[in-house]
Protein backbone atom coordinates (compact mmCIF):
# COMPACT_ATOMS: atom_id res chain seq x y z
CA ARG A 1 0.07 -0.02 0.11
CA GLY A 2 0.83 3.43 -0.31
CA LYS A 3 2.23 5.46 2.29
CA SER A 4 -0.22 8.17 2.39
CA SER A 5 -3.23 5.30 1.68
CA ARG A 6 -5.32 5.04 5.01
CA THR A 7 -7.03 1.46 4.26
CA ILE A 8 -5.85 -1.51 2.89
CA THR A 9 -8.89 -4.14 0.83
CA PHE A 10 -9.32 -7.44 2.78
CA GLU A 11 -6.47 -9.18 -0.48
CA GLN A 12 -4.11 -6.45 1.35
CA PHE A 13 -5.14 -7.45 5.03
CA LYS A 14 -4.10 -11.63 4.09
CA GLU A 15 -1.24 -10.42 2.70
CA ALA A 16 0.57 -8.78 5.80
CA LEU A 17 -1.04 -11.08 7.52
CA GLN A 18 1.22 -13.87 5.92
CA GLU A 19 4.27 -12.25 5.93
CA LEU A 20 3.84 -11.49 9.76
CA SER A 21 3.45 -15.36 10.23
CA LYS A 22 6.46 -15.86 8.63
CA LYS A 23 7.96 -13.62 11.09
CA ARG A 24 6.63 -14.69 14.19
CA PHE A 25 6.56 -18.84 13.36
CA LYS A 26 9.76 -19.02 11.82
CA ASP A 27 9.96 -22.85 12.80
CA LYS A 28 6.69 -23.61 10.89
CA SER A 29 5.79 -24.11 7.39
CA ASP A 30 4.45 -21.43 5.67
CA GLU A 31 0.21 -22.68 5.74
CA GLU A 32 0.91 -23.75 9.29
CA ALA A 33 2.36 -20.28 10.57
CA VAL A 34 -1.30 -18.24 8.63
CA GLN A 35 -3.34 -20.97 10.49
CA GLU A 36 -1.19 -20.10 14.14
CA ILE A 37 -2.40 -16.03 12.96
CA TYR A 38 -5.49 -16.61 12.13
CA LYS A 39 -6.27 -18.64 15.29
CA LEU A 40 -4.57 -15.50 17.11
CA ILE A 41 -7.05 -12.89 15.35
CA GLU A 42 -10.14 -14.99 15.25
CA GLY A 43 -12.77 -13.79 17.27
CA LYS A 44 -11.61 -10.41 17.96
CA THR A 45 -12.10 -6.82 17.20
CA PRO A 46 -9.36 -3.81 16.62
CA ILE A 47 -8.54 -2.77 19.66
CA ILE A 48 -7.52 1.06 19.98
CA SER A 49 -4.72 1.58 22.24
CA GLY A 50 -2.92 4.34 23.43
CA VAL A 51 -5.62 7.03 22.48
CA THR A 52 -5.76 9.99 25.18
CA LYS A 53 -8.47 9.44 27.79
CA ALA A 54 -10.85 12.18 28.26
CA ILE A 55 -10.70 14.05 31.21
CA SER A 56 -13.56 14.90 33.88
CA SER A 57 -11.58 17.52 36.17
CA PRO A 58 -13.04 21.15 37.54
CA THR A 59 -10.70 23.02 35.11
CA VAL A 60 -11.71 21.07 31.83
CA SER A 61 -15.12 21.93 32.62
CA ARG A 62 -14.95 24.93 33.63
CA LEU A 63 -12.87 25.58 30.31
CA THR A 64 -15.73 23.70 28.61
CA ASP A 65 -18.83 25.58 29.84
CA THR A 66 -19.85 28.20 27.41
CA SER A 67 -22.07 30.18 29.54
CA LYS A 68 -18.58 31.90 30.50
CA PHE A 69 -17.93 32.63 27.06
CA THR A 70 -18.12 36.36 25.66
CA GLY A 71 -17.84 37.99 22.26
CA SER A 72 -17.24 35.46 19.31
CA HIS A 73 -16.39 32.81 20.87
CA LYS A 74 -19.65 31.31 22.23
CA GLU A 75 -20.71 31.65 18.71
CA ARG A 76 -18.81 28.49 18.43
CA PHE A 77 -21.05 26.40 20.50
CA ASP A 78 -24.67 25.29 20.52
CA PRO A 79 -26.82 25.77 23.58
CA SER A 80 -25.63 21.88 24.54
CA GLY A 81 -22.05 23.19 24.36
CA LYS A 82 -21.11 21.03 21.56
CA GLY A 83 -19.04 22.77 19.01
CA LYS A 84 -20.40 24.34 15.80
CA GLY A 85 -17.61 23.15 13.36
CA LYS A 86 -17.44 25.79 10.82
CA ALA A 87 -20.38 27.70 10.99
CA GLY A 88 -18.96 28.28 14.84
CA ARG A 89 -15.55 29.66 13.59
CA GLU A 90 -16.14 31.73 10.16
CA ASP A 91 -19.14 34.23 9.59
CA LEU A 92 -21.58 32.81 7.12
CA VAL A 93 -23.10 35.33 5.12
CA ASP A 94 -26.66 35.33 5.43
CA ALA A 95 -27.98 36.89 2.27
CA SER A 96 -31.89 37.40 3.36
CA GLY A 97 -31.72 41.30 3.54
CA TYR A 98 -32.49 41.34 7.13
CA VAL A 99 -29.88 42.92 9.32
CA SER A 100 -28.48 40.69 12.27
CA GLY A 101 -30.94 41.75 15.38
CA TYR A 102 -34.07 41.90 13.55
CA LYS A 103 -36.15 39.49 15.10
CA HIS A 104 -39.46 39.17 13.12
CA ALA A 105 -37.60 38.54 9.83
CA GLY A 106 -39.98 36.77 7.36
CA THR A 107 -42.94 38.15 8.53
CA TYR A 108 -43.60 40.78 6.38
CA ASP A 109 -46.46 39.43 3.71
CA HIS A 110 -48.59 38.60 6.68
CA LYS A 111 -48.43 41.83 8.63
CA VAL A 112 -49.43 43.24 4.60
CA GLN A 113 -51.94 40.46 4.34
CA GLY A 114 -52.96 41.49 7.66
CA SER A 115 -53.60 45.34 7.65
CA LYS A 116 -55.78 44.80 3.92
């Protein structure tokens, strides 16, 4: 596989297992070594080891409390505290024609029809 490739096919996986079996079980034949490798991985799922665990300390909870954010930083999170992603980092242009503080956007037609 290429160095920049992040995924492999099942055939490439089987080839890699064959290569590993030769290195791990040098005293056995190629077929026996492959069978031993299959026995090692049988019934197991991929494990992610060495991943940083989430920390729940007062410092972390204070830093992630969105009610304490001011200015544009508070726009980066929704009320539940989950990040908004790109919408929170960049100013997305609102082409509706209303200014940002106007609360009754889209009610013009209703007001005009009500006065007739």
